[in-house]
Amino acid sequence: MAEAFHAALAGRSITSAGAPAPLAVRGTPAELQALVGQRLEAVRRRGKFLLLELDRDRVVINPMLTGRFQLAEPKAKLPAKTAVVLGFGPRSGGPRDAAAWTNGASWIPADDAPSEVRYRDPTQMGKVYLLPAGVERLVPGLDDEQGPDADDPELTLDLWRARIRRHPGELKNLLRNQAFVAGIGNAYSDEILHAARLLPFRKRSSLAPEEIDELYAATGSTLARASDILRARVPPTFEQQVRDFLAVHMKGGQPCPRCGTRISEVKAGGFVTSYCRGCQR
C-alpha cells in the first residue's frame, strides 16, 4: 500500500481535503484545510500505520481492522462510509525512489491527471491523525511503543534473538505484540506460526534455540511471500482484502495444506486463531 501510493502520489500537491465522517479525524477542521497546497513528499509505512509526509505537515492513518483505502479519479463515486478524502493535482514527474514493482503500472495516474485518496471505515475504528508542524499530538502506538518492523532488513537474527528474550507469554500474542516487532496482525501471526510448525499457545520460554531461529525465518518468508502476492493482485482495487492464499487463517475444518489434518479454530477476545494440530508442535 505505502509503496503503491508513494509511486502514484509523491510529488503532487493536495488540492482538496474533506472529512465526510469527521469522527475519524484527530485534528481540527482548520488543520485539515491547511493541508491544501502542501506537496506530498513521501508515503511510508511504520508497523500498521500509513504515513503521509508533506512539505510542512504530516498525516498518519491507523486503519485498524476495518479501514480501507481507495485510489480513484475525482469523478468516481464516493464509497459508503468514507471518512476522509484528499485530492491531488498534477506533478512534473514521479518519484525517483519508487519501488521497482510499480514501474510502468497501469493503475498509476498520469502525471498531468488529478487523483484522490479516499479512506473509508464502516466502524470508524481507525483514526486519521493530523500532525501540523509545531503541534504536539499523541498518536497512540506509533513511536515509543513499537519495535522494529517485522520486514525490516535491519531486524537481523541476532537482534531477533535478543528482543524475543524480553517478551514472555504465548507465541501468537508475542507476534501480535507491536512492542516486539511491528506490523504483524491476527491473520499473519497464524500463518507465520504454521510456517514455523509451532502452536500458537506455546510459551516463548518453551522454545529451543533452533525454534527461535525457525520462527525468525518463517516470519521473513511468510511476509515476503504475502507481499509479492498482494503487489500482484491488489492494485488498483486497494480496498479489497485478499486472503484466499493463506494456509490456515480462517480455514477451520479444511485440510491442512502441509499434512492434511483438519485445521482447528478457536475464538477468544474477538479474534480467530487457526492452526494445525497435526504438524504444529
C-alpha atoms as a PDB file:
ATOM      1  CA  MET A   1       0.000   0.000   0.000  1.00  0.00           C
ATOM      2  CA  ALA A   2       2.625   2.557   1.022  1.00  0.00           C
ATOM      3  CA  GLU A   3       4.893   1.736  -1.917  1.00  0.00           C
ATOM      4  CA  ALA A   4       1.972   1.963  -4.335  1.00  0.00           C
ATOM      5  CA  PHE A   5       0.691   5.275  -3.014  1.00  0.00           C
ATOM      6  CA  HIS A   6       4.203   6.700  -2.947  1.00  0.00           C
ATOM      7  CA  ALA A   7       4.685   5.812  -6.615  1.00  0.00           C
ATOM      8  CA  ALA A   8       1.266   7.210  -7.561  1.00  0.00           C
ATOM      9  CA  LEU A   9       1.156  10.395  -5.479  1.00  0.00           C
ATOM     10  CA  ALA A  10       4.582  11.616  -4.341  1.00  0.00           C
ATOM     11  CA  GLY A  11       5.360  14.942  -5.939  1.00  0.00           C
ATOM     12  CA  ARG A  12       1.716  16.016  -6.166  1.00  0.00           C
ATOM     13  CA  SER A  13       0.177  18.842  -4.161  1.00  0.00           C
ATOM     14  CA  ILE A  14      -3.040  18.488  -2.207  1.00  0.00           C
ATOM     15  CA  THR A  15      -5.859  20.370  -3.921  1.00  0.00           C
ATOM     16  CA  SER A  16      -8.719  19.485  -1.572  1.00  0.00           C
ATOM     17  CA  ALA A  17      -9.241  17.933   1.855  1.00  0.00           C
ATOM     18  CA  GLY A  18     -12.573  16.817   3.240  1.00  0.00           C
ATOM     19  CA  ALA A  19     -13.890  14.703   6.109  1.00  0.00           C
ATOM     20  CA  PRO A  20     -17.360  13.272   5.391  1.00  0.00           C
ATOM     21  CA  ALA A  21     -17.066  11.333   8.675  1.00  0.00           C
ATOM     22  CA  PRO A  22     -15.167  13.760  10.920  1.00  0.00           C
ATOM     23  CA  LEU A  23     -15.244  11.491  13.982  1.00  0.00           C
ATOM     24  CA  ALA A  24     -12.359   9.567  12.420  1.00  0.00           C
ATOM     25  CA  VAL A  25     -10.158  12.676  12.324  1.00  0.00           C
ATOM     26  CA  ARG A  26      -7.865  13.654  15.158  1.00  0.00           C
ATOM     27  CA  GLY A  27      -7.322  17.323  14.404  1.00  0.00           C
ATOM     28  CA  THR A  28      -9.322  20.476  13.698  1.00  0.00           C
ATOM     29  CA  PRO A  29     -11.188  21.461  10.503  1.00  0.00           C
ATOM     30  CA  ALA A  30      -8.696  24.331  10.108  1.00  0.00           C
ATOM     31  CA  GLU A  31      -5.776  21.894  10.294  1.00  0.00           C
ATOM     32  CA  LEU A  32      -7.408  19.698   7.673  1.00  0.00           C
ATOM     33  CA  GLN A  33      -7.889  22.639   5.300  1.00  0.00           C
ATOM     34  CA  ALA A  34      -4.296  23.739   5.921  1.00  0.00           C
ATOM     35  CA  LEU A  35      -3.170  20.597   4.073  1.00  0.00           C
ATOM     36  CA  VAL A  36      -4.369  22.147   0.805  1.00  0.00           C
ATOM     37  CA  GLY A  37      -1.434  23.450  -1.195  1.00  0.00           C
ATOM     38  CA  GLN A  38       1.142  21.263   0.514  1.00  0.00           C
ATOM     39  CA  ARG A  39       3.251  18.921  -1.576  1.00  0.00           C
ATOM     40  CA  LEU A  40       3.328  15.226  -0.748  1.00  0.00           C
ATOM     41  CA  GLU A  41       6.966  14.279  -0.343  1.00  0.00           C
ATOM     42  CA  ALA A  42       6.634  10.615   0.595  1.00  0.00           C
ATOM     43  CA  VAL A  43       4.258   7.861   1.671  1.00  0.00           C
ATOM     44  CA  ARG A  44       5.708   5.414   4.150  1.00  0.00           C
ATOM     45  CA  ARG A  45       4.574   2.567   6.373  1.00  0.00           C
ATOM     46  CA  ARG A  46       5.524   2.107  10.010  1.00  0.00           C
ATOM     47  CA  GLY A  47       4.057  -1.043  11.502  1.00  0.00           C
ATOM     48  CA  LYS A  48       0.331  -0.831  10.793  1.00  0.00           C
ATOM     49  CA  PHE A  49       0.387   2.937  10.244  1.00  0.00           C
ATOM     50  CA  LEU A  50       0.369   4.758   6.894  1.00  0.00           C
ATOM     51  CA  LEU A  51       2.397   7.990   6.989  1.00  0.00           C
ATOM     52  CA  LEU A  52       1.930  10.844   4.525  1.00  0.00           C
ATOM     53  CA  GLU A  53       4.913  13.180   4.707  1.00  0.00           C
ATOM     54  CA  LEU A  54       4.072  16.635   3.351  1.00  0.00           C
ATOM     55  CA  ASP A  55       6.446  19.537   2.786  1.00  0.00           C
ATOM     56  CA  ARG A  56       5.315  21.027   6.126  1.00  0.00           C
ATOM     57  CA  ASP A  57       2.876  18.759   7.984  1.00  0.00           C
ATOM     58  CA  ARG A  58       2.220  15.038   8.362  1.00  0.00           C
ATOM     59  CA  VAL A  59      -0.870  12.839   8.195  1.00  0.00           C
ATOM     60  CA  VAL A  60      -0.801   9.485   9.978  1.00  0.00           C
ATOM     61  CA  ILE A  61      -3.524   6.901   9.424  1.00  0.00           C
ATOM     62  CA  ASN A  62      -4.159   3.875  11.613  1.00  0.00           C
ATOM     63  CA  PRO A  63      -6.787   1.854   9.709  1.00  0.00           C
ATOM     64  CA  MET A  64      -7.041  -0.818  12.423  1.00  0.00           C
ATOM     65  CA  LEU A  65      -9.354  -3.716  11.485  1.00  0.00           C
ATOM     66  CA  THR A  66     -11.891  -2.134   9.161  1.00  0.00           C
ATOM     67  CA  GLY A  67     -10.219   0.841   7.472  1.00  0.00           C
ATOM     68  CA  ARG A  68      -9.799   0.647   3.699  1.00  0.00           C
ATOM     69  CA  PHE A  69      -8.229   2.891   1.053  1.00  0.00           C
ATOM     70  CA  GLN A  70      -9.185   3.768  -2.492  1.00  0.00           C
ATOM     71  CA  LEU A  71      -7.122   5.467  -5.198  1.00  0.00           C
ATOM     72  CA  ALA A  72      -9.577   6.962  -7.674  1.00  0.00           C
ATOM     73  CA  GLU A  73     -10.366   9.641 -10.201  1.00  0.00           C
ATOM     74  CA  PRO A  74     -12.119  12.609  -8.565  1.00  0.00           C
ATOM     75  CA  LYS A  75     -15.302  11.989 -10.580  1.00  0.00           C
ATOM     76  CA  ALA A  76     -15.615   8.372  -9.368  1.00  0.00           C
ATOM     77  CA  LYS A  77     -18.483   7.628  -6.993  1.00  0.00           C
ATOM     78  CA  LEU A  78     -17.563   8.051  -3.346  1.00  0.00           C
ATOM     79  CA  PRO A  79     -17.765   4.754  -1.393  1.00  0.00           C
ATOM     80  CA  ALA A  80     -20.157   4.491   1.530  1.00  0.00           C
ATOM     81  CA  LYS A  81     -18.727   5.255   4.972  1.00  0.00           C
ATOM     82  CA  THR A  82     -15.894   7.350   3.525  1.00  0.00           C
ATOM     83  CA  ALA A  83     -14.205   9.238   6.370  1.00  0.00           C
ATOM     84  CA  VAL A  84     -11.543  11.362   4.665  1.00  0.00           C
ATOM     85  CA  VAL A  85     -10.881  12.404   1.057  1.00  0.00           C
ATOM     86  CA  LEU A  86      -7.647  14.015  -0.129  1.00  0.00           C
ATOM     87  CA  GLY A  87      -7.489  15.379  -3.662  1.00  0.00           C
ATOM     88  CA  PHE A  88      -4.169  15.630  -5.508  1.00  0.00           C
ATOM     89  CA  GLY A  89      -3.199  17.657  -8.539  1.00  0.00           C
ATOM     90  CA  PRO A  90      -0.707  17.000 -11.362  1.00  0.00           C
ATOM     91  CA  ARG A  91       3.040  16.630 -10.951  1.00  0.00           C
ATOM     92  CA  SER A  92       6.094  17.135 -13.132  1.00  0.00           C
ATOM     93  CA  GLY A  93       7.384  13.585 -12.695  1.00  0.00           C
ATOM     94  CA  GLY A  94       7.151  10.521 -10.475  1.00  0.00           C
ATOM     95  CA  PRO A  95       9.475   9.896  -7.532  1.00  0.00           C
ATOM     96  CA  ARG A  96      12.925   8.560  -8.302  1.00  0.00           C
ATOM     97  CA  ASP A  97      12.766   6.216  -5.322  1.00  0.00           C
ATOM     98  CA  ALA A  98       9.561   4.429  -6.374  1.00  0.00           C
ATOM     99  CA  ALA A  99       9.618   0.667  -5.739  1.00  0.00           C
ATOM    100  CA  ALA A 100      10.694  -1.301  -8.788  1.00  0.00           C
ATOM    101  CA  TRP A 101       7.493  -3.348  -8.867  1.00  0.00           C
ATOM    102  CA  THR A 102       5.455  -0.175  -9.516  1.00  0.00           C
ATOM    103  CA  ASN A 103       7.401   0.826 -12.635  1.00  0.00           C
ATOM    104  CA  GLY A 104       5.057   1.175 -15.606  1.00  0.00           C
ATOM    105  CA  ALA A 105       1.986   0.135 -13.603  1.00  0.00           C
ATOM    106  CA  SER A 106      -1.205   0.951 -15.488  1.00  0.00           C
ATOM    107  CA  TRP A 107      -3.032   1.994 -12.295  1.00  0.00           C
ATOM    108  CA  ILE A 108      -0.687   4.921 -11.587  1.00  0.00           C
ATOM    109  CA  PRO A 109      -2.470   8.138 -12.645  1.00  0.00           C
ATOM    110  CA  ALA A 110      -0.841  10.095 -15.430  1.00  0.00           C
ATOM    111  CA  ASP A 111       1.352  12.903 -14.127  1.00  0.00           C
ATOM    112  CA  ASP A 112      -0.995  15.526 -15.597  1.00  0.00           C
ATOM    113  CA  ALA A 113      -4.150  13.879 -14.193  1.00  0.00           C
ATOM    114  CA  PRO A 114      -5.748  14.662 -10.815  1.00  0.00           C
ATOM    115  CA  SER A 115      -6.337  11.874  -8.320  1.00  0.00           C
ATOM    116  CA  GLU A 116      -7.963  11.211  -4.955  1.00  0.00           C
ATOM    117  CA  VAL A 117      -7.233   9.042  -1.954  1.00  0.00           C
ATOM    118  CA  ARG A 118     -10.345   8.002  -0.067  1.00  0.00           C
ATOM    119  CA  TYR A 119     -10.154   6.466   3.391  1.00  0.00           C
ATOM    120  CA  ARG A 120     -13.328   4.699   4.473  1.00  0.00           C
ATOM    121  CA  ASP A 121     -14.117   2.850   7.666  1.00  0.00           C
ATOM    122  CA  PRO A 122     -17.597   1.376   8.299  1.00  0.00           C
ATOM    123  CA  THR A 123     -16.996   1.069  12.059  1.00  0.00           C
ATOM    124  CA  GLN A 124     -14.863   4.210  12.488  1.00  0.00           C
ATOM    125  CA  MET A 125     -12.389   2.152  14.492  1.00  0.00           C
ATOM    126  CA  GLY A 126      -9.469   3.603  12.564  1.00  0.00           C
ATOM    127  CA  LYS A 127      -8.169   7.128  13.022  1.00  0.00           C
ATOM    128  CA  VAL A 128      -6.651   9.837  10.829  1.00  0.00           C
ATOM    129  CA  TYR A 129      -4.182  11.977  12.780  1.00  0.00           C
ATOM    130  CA  LEU A 130      -3.335  15.469  11.526  1.00  0.00           C
ATOM    131  CA  LEU A 131       0.124  16.472  12.705  1.00  0.00           C
ATOM    132  CA  PRO A 132       0.837  20.104  11.826  1.00  0.00           C
ATOM    133  CA  ALA A 133       4.411  21.275  12.160  1.00  0.00           C
ATOM    134  CA  GLY A 134       4.994  22.562  15.676  1.00  0.00           C
ATOM    135  CA  VAL A 135       1.913  20.862  17.144  1.00  0.00           C
ATOM    136  CA  GLU A 136       2.407  18.014  19.612  1.00  0.00           C
ATOM    137  CA  ARG A 137      -0.338  15.414  19.167  1.00  0.00           C
ATOM    138  CA  LEU A 138      -0.114  11.884  20.505  1.00  0.00           C
ATOM    139  CA  VAL A 139      -0.510   9.046  18.008  1.00  0.00           C
ATOM    140  CA  PRO A 140      -1.092   6.030  20.253  1.00  0.00           C
ATOM    141  CA  GLY A 141       1.149   3.107  19.415  1.00  0.00           C
ATOM    142  CA  LEU A 142       3.236   4.817  16.743  1.00  0.00           C
ATOM    143  CA  ASP A 143       6.636   5.689  18.118  1.00  0.00           C
ATOM    144  CA  ASP A 144       7.884   4.642  21.541  1.00  0.00           C
ATOM    145  CA  GLU A 145       5.524   1.664  21.755  1.00  0.00           C
ATOM    146  CA  GLN A 146       6.693  -0.047  18.552  1.00  0.00           C
ATOM    147  CA  GLY A 147       9.536  -2.419  17.907  1.00  0.00           C
ATOM    148  CA  PRO A 148      11.289  -2.671  14.538  1.00  0.00           C
ATOM    149  CA  ASP A 149       9.137  -3.508  11.544  1.00  0.00           C
ATOM    150  CA  ALA A 150       8.847  -7.250  11.084  1.00  0.00           C
ATOM    151  CA  ASP A 151      10.094  -6.988   7.491  1.00  0.00           C
ATOM    152  CA  ASP A 152      12.883  -4.501   8.191  1.00  0.00           C
ATOM    153  CA  PRO A 153      16.218  -5.806   6.822  1.00  0.00           C
ATOM    154  CA  GLU A 154      17.867  -4.389   9.957  1.00  0.00           C
ATOM    155  CA  LEU A 155      15.941  -6.904  12.059  1.00  0.00           C
ATOM    156  CA  THR A 156      18.723  -9.464  11.964  1.00  0.00           C
ATOM    157  CA  LEU A 157      18.645 -12.899  13.542  1.00  0.00           C
ATOM    158  CA  ASP A 158      20.881 -11.697  16.356  1.00  0.00           C
ATOM    159  CA  LEU A 159      18.553  -8.763  17.077  1.00  0.00           C
ATOM    160  CA  TRP A 160      15.535 -11.113  16.930  1.00  0.00           C
ATOM    161  CA  ARG A 161      17.173 -13.430  19.475  1.00  0.00           C
ATOM    162  CA  ALA A 162      17.917 -10.512  21.793  1.00  0.00           C
ATOM    163  CA  ARG A 163      14.427  -9.000  21.545  1.00  0.00           C
ATOM    164  CA  ILE A 164      12.450 -12.226  21.925  1.00  0.00           C
ATOM    165  CA  ARG A 165      14.034 -12.895  25.318  1.00  0.00           C
ATOM    166  CA  ARG A 166      12.331  -9.763  26.684  1.00  0.00           C
ATOM    167  CA  HIS A 167       8.819 -10.910  25.786  1.00  0.00           C
ATOM    168  CA  PRO A 168       7.284 -13.883  27.627  1.00  0.00           C
ATOM    169  CA  GLY A 169       3.885 -15.389  27.024  1.00  0.00           C
ATOM    170  CA  GLU A 170       2.181 -17.306  24.228  1.00  0.00           C
ATOM    171  CA  LEU A 171       3.639 -17.215  20.736  1.00  0.00           C
ATOM    172  CA  LYS A 172       0.621 -15.774  18.975  1.00  0.00           C
ATOM    173  CA  ASN A 173       0.398 -12.921  21.451  1.00  0.00           C
ATOM    174  CA  LEU A 174       4.136 -12.398  21.066  1.00  0.00           C
ATOM    175  CA  LEU A 175       3.903 -11.986  17.291  1.00  0.00           C
ATOM    176  CA  ARG A 176       0.957  -9.595  17.595  1.00  0.00           C
ATOM    177  CA  ASN A 177       2.756  -7.521  20.236  1.00  0.00           C
ATOM    178  CA  GLN A 178       3.802  -4.356  18.382  1.00  0.00           C
ATOM    179  CA  ALA A 179       6.413  -3.640  21.031  1.00  0.00           C
ATOM    180  CA  PHE A 180       8.223  -6.832  19.987  1.00  0.00           C
ATOM    181  CA  VAL A 181       8.029  -6.348  16.223  1.00  0.00           C
ATOM    182  CA  ALA A 182       5.663  -4.034  14.383  1.00  0.00           C
ATOM    183  CA  GLY A 183       3.230  -4.824  11.615  1.00  0.00           C
ATOM    184  CA  ILE A 184       2.058  -8.396  12.314  1.00  0.00           C
ATOM    185  CA  GLY A 185      -1.663  -8.810  12.878  1.00  0.00           C
ATOM    186  CA  ASN A 186      -4.024 -11.636  13.656  1.00  0.00           C
ATOM    187  CA  ALA A 187      -4.012 -13.362  10.259  1.00  0.00           C
ATOM    188  CA  TYR A 188      -0.292 -13.337   9.605  1.00  0.00           C
ATOM    189  CA  SER A 189       0.568 -14.449  13.126  1.00  0.00           C
ATOM    190  CA  ASP A 190      -1.373 -17.644  12.346  1.00  0.00           C
ATOM    191  CA  GLU A 191       0.424 -18.006   9.020  1.00  0.00           C
ATOM    192  CA  ILE A 192       3.881 -17.463  10.486  1.00  0.00           C
ATOM    193  CA  LEU A 193       3.325 -19.996  13.252  1.00  0.00           C
ATOM    194  CA  HIS A 194       2.047 -22.548  10.756  1.00  0.00           C
ATOM    195  CA  ALA A 195       5.126 -21.997   8.580  1.00  0.00           C
ATOM    196  CA  ALA A 196       7.339 -22.426  11.665  1.00  0.00           C
ATOM    197  CA  ARG A 197       5.400 -25.556  12.755  1.00  0.00           C
ATOM    198  CA  LEU A 198       4.735 -24.017  16.183  1.00  0.00           C
ATOM    199  CA  LEU A 199       1.452 -23.991  18.094  1.00  0.00           C
ATOM    200  CA  PRO A 200       0.048 -20.528  18.846  1.00  0.00           C
ATOM    201  CA  PHE A 201      -0.426 -21.345  22.537  1.00  0.00           C
ATOM    202  CA  ARG A 202       3.155 -22.422  23.184  1.00  0.00           C
ATOM    203  CA  LYS A 203       5.058 -20.288  25.646  1.00  0.00           C
ATOM    204  CA  ARG A 204       8.066 -18.403  24.368  1.00  0.00           C
ATOM    205  CA  SER A 205      10.059 -19.816  27.286  1.00  0.00           C
ATOM    206  CA  SER A 206       9.475 -23.329  25.943  1.00  0.00           C
ATOM    207  CA  LEU A 207      11.236 -22.659  22.636  1.00  0.00           C
ATOM    208  CA  ALA A 208      14.557 -24.304  21.890  1.00  0.00           C
ATOM    209  CA  PRO A 209      17.187 -22.055  20.254  1.00  0.00           C
ATOM    210  CA  GLU A 210      16.588 -23.669  16.879  1.00  0.00           C
ATOM    211  CA  GLU A 211      12.845 -22.997  17.193  1.00  0.00           C
ATOM    212  CA  ILE A 212      13.512 -19.319  17.876  1.00  0.00           C
ATOM    213  CA  ASP A 213      15.579 -19.229  14.699  1.00  0.00           C
ATOM    214  CA  GLU A 214      12.886 -21.064  12.732  1.00  0.00           C
ATOM    215  CA  LEU A 215      10.291 -18.545  13.910  1.00  0.00           C
ATOM    216  CA  TYR A 216      12.516 -15.761  12.594  1.00  0.00           C
ATOM    217  CA  ALA A 217      12.928 -17.472   9.231  1.00  0.00           C
ATOM    218  CA  ALA A 218       9.200 -18.169   8.971  1.00  0.00           C
ATOM    219  CA  THR A 219       8.383 -14.536   9.728  1.00  0.00           C
ATOM    220  CA  GLY A 220      10.578 -13.317   6.892  1.00  0.00           C
ATOM    221  CA  SER A 221       9.484 -15.876   4.322  1.00  0.00           C
ATOM    222  CA  THR A 222       5.761 -15.593   5.144  1.00  0.00           C
ATOM    223  CA  LEU A 223       5.685 -11.813   4.920  1.00  0.00           C
ATOM    224  CA  ALA A 224       7.824 -11.749   1.773  1.00  0.00           C
ATOM    225  CA  ARG A 225       5.540 -14.230   0.011  1.00  0.00           C
ATOM    226  CA  ALA A 226       2.432 -12.321   1.063  1.00  0.00           C
ATOM    227  CA  SER A 227       3.913  -9.020  -0.140  1.00  0.00           C
ATOM    228  CA  ASP A 228       4.666 -10.489  -3.564  1.00  0.00           C
ATOM    229  CA  ILE A 229       1.130 -11.840  -3.902  1.00  0.00           C
ATOM    230  CA  LEU A 230      -0.547  -8.642  -2.729  1.00  0.00           C
ATOM    231  CA  ARG A 231       1.541  -6.455  -5.030  1.00  0.00           C
ATOM    232  CA  ALA A 232       0.436  -8.574  -7.963  1.00  0.00           C
ATOM    233  CA  ARG A 233      -3.228  -8.902  -7.059  1.00  0.00           C
ATOM    234  CA  VAL A 234      -4.403  -5.872  -5.073  1.00  0.00           C
ATOM    235  CA  PRO A 235      -3.784  -2.768  -7.239  1.00  0.00           C
ATOM    236  CA  PRO A 236      -5.747  -0.920  -8.415  1.00  0.00           C
ATOM    237  CA  THR A 237      -8.532  -2.094  -6.086  1.00  0.00           C
ATOM    238  CA  PHE A 238      -6.696  -1.197  -2.913  1.00  0.00           C
ATOM    239  CA  GLU A 239      -9.786  -1.500  -0.725  1.00  0.00           C
ATOM    240  CA  GLN A 240     -10.124  -5.242  -1.310  1.00  0.00           C
ATOM    241  CA  GLN A 241      -8.773  -7.709   1.229  1.00  0.00           C
ATOM    242  CA  VAL A 242      -7.050 -10.658  -0.440  1.00  0.00           C
ATOM    243  CA  ARG A 243      -6.783 -13.607   1.932  1.00  0.00           C
ATOM    244  CA  ASP A 244      -7.591 -16.666  -0.180  1.00  0.00           C
ATOM    245  CA  PHE A 245      -3.906 -17.644  -0.473  1.00  0.00           C
ATOM    246  CA  LEU A 246      -3.429 -18.051   3.286  1.00  0.00           C
ATOM    247  CA  ALA A 247      -2.636 -21.557   4.501  1.00  0.00           C
ATOM    248  CA  VAL A 248      -4.647 -21.784   7.752  1.00  0.00           C
ATOM    249  CA  HIS A 249      -6.169 -18.495   8.904  1.00  0.00           C
ATOM    250  CA  MET A 250      -9.991 -18.602   8.846  1.00  0.00           C
ATOM    251  CA  LYS A 251      -9.882 -22.071   7.283  1.00  0.00           C
ATOM    252  CA  GLY A 252     -11.114 -24.087  10.249  1.00  0.00           C
ATOM    253  CA  GLY A 253     -12.324 -27.544   9.258  1.00  0.00           C
ATOM    254  CA  GLN A 254     -10.411 -27.583   5.990  1.00  0.00           C
ATOM    255  CA  PRO A 255      -7.418 -29.894   5.457  1.00  0.00           C
ATOM    256  CA  CYS A 256      -4.003 -28.539   6.322  1.00  0.00           C
ATOM    257  CA  PRO A 257      -2.131 -27.939   3.039  1.00  0.00           C
ATOM    258  CA  ARG A 258       1.001 -29.491   4.547  1.00  0.00           C
ATOM    259  CA  CYS A 259      -0.192 -32.635   6.372  1.00  0.00           C
ATOM    260  CA  GLY A 260      -3.910 -32.970   5.610  1.00  0.00           C
ATOM    261  CA  THR A 261      -5.077 -32.771   9.240  1.00  0.00           C
ATOM    262  CA  ARG A 262      -8.281 -30.805   9.739  1.00  0.00           C
ATOM    263  CA  ILE A 263      -7.425 -27.231  10.726  1.00  0.00           C
ATOM    264  CA  SER A 264      -8.521 -26.244  14.233  1.00  0.00           C
ATOM    265  CA  GLU A 265     -10.015 -22.875  15.034  1.00  0.00           C
ATOM    266  CA  VAL A 266     -10.765 -21.081  18.288  1.00  0.00           C
ATOM    267  CA  LYS A 267     -12.179 -17.660  19.029  1.00  0.00           C
ATOM    268  CA  ALA A 268     -11.051 -15.667  22.024  1.00  0.00           C
ATOM    269  CA  GLY A 269     -11.354 -11.955  22.674  1.00  0.00           C
ATOM    270  CA  GLY A 270     -12.969 -11.369  19.310  1.00  0.00           C
ATOM    271  CA  PHE A 271     -10.011 -12.830  17.385  1.00  0.00           C
ATOM    272  CA  VAL A 272      -9.896 -16.085  15.427  1.00  0.00           C
ATOM    273  CA  THR A 273      -6.879 -18.350  15.854  1.00  0.00           C
ATOM    274  CA  SER A 274      -6.390 -21.054  13.228  1.00  0.00           C
ATOM    275  CA  TYR A 275      -3.765 -23.793  13.453  1.00  0.00           C
ATOM    276  CA  CYS A 276      -2.995 -27.429  12.654  1.00  0.00           C
ATOM    277  CA  ARG A 277      -2.752 -29.957  15.467  1.00  0.00           C
ATOM    278  CA  GLY A 278      -1.078 -32.396  13.097  1.00  0.00           C
ATOM    279  CA  CYS A 279       2.081 -30.527  12.159  1.00  0.00           C
ATOM    280  CA  GLN A 280       2.362 -27.662  14.624  1.00  0.00           C
ATOM    281  CA  ARG A 281       4.033 -28.512  17.918  1.00  0.00           C
END
